[in-house]
Amino acid sequence: MASINEALYRLSRSRFRSSFHLKEKDIAYIRDKGMDTVRRHACDFVAKKLAPAVPENDGKQTPMKGHPVFIAMHATGTCCRGCLMKWYRVPQGIPLSDIQQEKIVNLIMAWIMREYGKQTGEPVYENTEII
């Protein structure tokens, strides 16, 4: 298992994963809705798009734009069950537990907070929970 900081470091070494960034529209959305709302959306997206043993349209279920959480899911390798297996060794074909879902949401939110902080100059959220 790795800490969120370790996972984010590993992801930053990937050319593909490190190419994702929040756009101004995403920053404005976060400012308007707030992080609590964004977290609720992340919980909902993870529950619907990743938690089932065999998610509908797995590998294609997460859009590449349209919500800060979608961008973060791609940046963190939590966009589909295949990426969860590749990056975090989460077995496919088994529903995600509540704890696994919470850890995924924590990782997504840590990425969003860091990215938001880099672009706005606001304090960066540091979470070192195990994922």
Protein backbone atom coordinates (compact mmCIF):
# COMPACT_ATOMS: atom_id res chain seq x y z
CA MET A 1 0.00 0.00 0.00
CA ALA A 2 1.09 3.54 -0.64
CA SER A 3 0.31 6.91 0.84
CA ILE A 4 -1.54 9.44 -1.24
CA ASN A 5 1.68 11.44 -1.55
CA GLU A 6 3.52 8.37 -2.86
CA ALA A 7 0.73 7.60 -5.32
CA LEU A 8 0.66 11.18 -6.59
CA TYR A 9 4.43 11.11 -7.01
CA ARG A 10 4.25 7.87 -9.05
CA LEU A 11 1.47 9.35 -11.19
CA SER A 12 3.52 12.51 -11.78
CA ARG A 13 6.21 10.34 -13.40
CA SER A 14 3.72 9.15 -16.05
CA ARG A 15 3.68 11.33 -19.15
CA PHE A 16 -0.01 10.53 -19.74
CA ARG A 17 -1.26 10.92 -16.15
CA SER A 18 0.73 14.11 -15.58
CA SER A 19 -0.75 15.71 -18.71
CA PHE A 20 -4.10 16.29 -17.00
CA HIS A 21 -4.76 19.69 -15.43
CA LEU A 22 -7.80 21.59 -14.28
CA LYS A 23 -8.97 24.21 -16.74
CA GLU A 24 -10.20 27.65 -15.70
CA LYS A 25 -13.77 26.37 -16.12
CA ASP A 26 -13.01 23.60 -13.59
CA ILE A 27 -11.46 26.10 -11.15
CA ALA A 28 -14.55 28.30 -11.46
CA TYR A 29 -16.78 25.28 -10.85
CA ILE A 30 -14.87 24.41 -7.67
CA ARG A 31 -15.04 28.01 -6.45
CA ASP A 32 -18.77 28.16 -7.18
CA LYS A 33 -19.78 24.78 -5.74
CA GLY A 34 -17.13 24.30 -3.05
CA MET A 35 -14.96 21.31 -2.19
CA ASP A 36 -17.67 19.60 -0.14
CA THR A 37 -19.93 19.44 -3.19
CA VAL A 38 -17.06 18.27 -5.39
CA ARG A 39 -16.32 15.52 -2.84
CA ARG A 40 -19.98 14.42 -2.88
CA HIS A 41 -19.81 14.25 -6.67
CA ALA A 42 -16.60 12.20 -6.46
CA CYS A 43 -18.29 9.77 -4.06
CA ASP A 44 -21.24 9.44 -6.43
CA PHE A 45 -19.08 8.97 -9.54
CA VAL A 46 -16.89 6.35 -7.85
CA ALA A 47 -19.95 4.48 -6.57
CA LYS A 48 -21.60 4.44 -9.99
CA LYS A 49 -18.64 4.19 -12.36
CA LEU A 50 -16.10 2.08 -10.44
CA ALA A 51 -17.68 0.24 -7.51
CA PRO A 52 -19.68 -2.42 -9.41
CA ALA A 53 -17.85 -5.68 -10.09
CA VAL A 54 -18.35 -5.06 -13.81
CA PRO A 55 -19.11 -1.37 -14.42
CA GLU A 56 -21.16 -0.48 -17.46
CA ASN A 57 -18.91 0.50 -20.39
CA ASP A 58 -15.80 -0.16 -18.30
CA GLY A 59 -12.81 1.54 -19.85
CA LYS A 60 -15.01 4.16 -21.49
CA GLN A 61 -17.26 5.23 -18.63
CA THR A 62 -15.37 8.33 -17.49
CA PRO A 63 -15.45 11.38 -19.78
CA MET A 64 -12.18 13.23 -20.40
CA LYS A 65 -13.74 16.61 -19.57
CA GLY A 66 -16.86 18.24 -18.17
CA HIS A 67 -16.24 17.97 -14.41
CA PRO A 68 -13.15 18.41 -12.21
CA VAL A 69 -13.64 14.90 -10.81
CA PHE A 70 -13.51 13.36 -14.30
CA ILE A 71 -10.17 15.07 -14.96
CA ALA A 72 -8.88 13.93 -11.57
CA MET A 73 -10.01 10.35 -12.19
CA HIS A 74 -7.88 10.21 -15.33
CA ALA A 75 -4.96 11.99 -13.66
CA THR A 76 -5.00 9.53 -10.76
CA GLY A 77 -5.56 6.32 -12.71
CA THR A 78 -8.98 5.81 -11.12
CA CYS A 79 -11.01 6.20 -14.31
CA CYS A 80 -11.82 2.51 -14.85
CA ARG A 81 -11.28 -0.89 -13.31
CA GLY A 82 -8.40 -1.63 -15.68
CA CYS A 83 -6.51 1.44 -14.47
CA LEU A 84 -7.30 0.59 -10.85
CA MET A 85 -5.74 -2.82 -11.44
CA LYS A 86 -2.70 -1.41 -13.23
CA TRP A 87 -1.94 1.39 -10.76
CA TYR A 88 -3.22 0.00 -7.44
CA ARG A 89 -3.64 -3.76 -7.97
CA VAL A 90 -7.38 -3.58 -7.25
CA PRO A 91 -8.79 -6.83 -8.65
CA GLN A 92 -11.38 -6.63 -11.39
CA GLY A 93 -14.65 -8.53 -11.22
CA ILE A 94 -15.19 -7.86 -7.50
CA PRO A 95 -17.28 -4.94 -6.20
CA LEU A 96 -15.31 -2.24 -4.41
CA SER A 97 -15.79 -2.07 -0.66
CA ASP A 98 -16.85 1.14 1.06
CA ILE A 99 -13.29 1.51 2.36
CA GLN A 100 -11.82 1.13 -1.14
CA GLN A 101 -14.26 3.71 -2.48
CA GLU A 102 -13.34 6.13 0.31
CA LYS A 103 -9.62 5.71 -0.42
CA ILE A 104 -10.20 6.36 -4.13
CA VAL A 105 -12.21 9.49 -3.33
CA ASN A 106 -9.45 10.67 -0.96
CA LEU A 107 -6.89 10.28 -3.75
CA ILE A 108 -9.09 12.09 -6.27
CA MET A 109 -9.70 14.94 -3.85
CA ALA A 110 -6.02 15.21 -2.93
CA TRP A 111 -5.17 15.60 -6.63
CA ILE A 112 -7.91 18.22 -7.07
CA MET A 113 -6.74 20.17 -4.03
CA ARG A 114 -3.11 20.15 -5.19
CA GLU A 115 -4.04 21.15 -8.71
CA TYR A 116 -6.38 23.84 -7.42
CA GLY A 117 -3.65 25.13 -5.10
CA LYS A 118 -1.07 25.26 -7.88
CA GLN A 119 -3.37 27.31 -10.08
CA THR A 120 -4.88 29.63 -7.48
CA GLY A 121 -2.09 29.99 -4.96
CA GLU A 122 -4.44 28.88 -2.19
CA PRO A 123 -3.14 26.42 0.44
CA VAL A 124 -2.49 22.88 -0.75
CA TYR A 125 -4.23 20.01 1.01
CA GLU A 126 -1.79 17.35 2.16
CA ASN A 127 -3.33 13.97 2.91
CA THR A 128 -1.09 11.07 3.80
CA GLU A 129 -3.76 8.44 4.40
CA ILE A 130 -3.05 5.00 3.03
CA ILE A 131 -4.71 4.19 -0.28
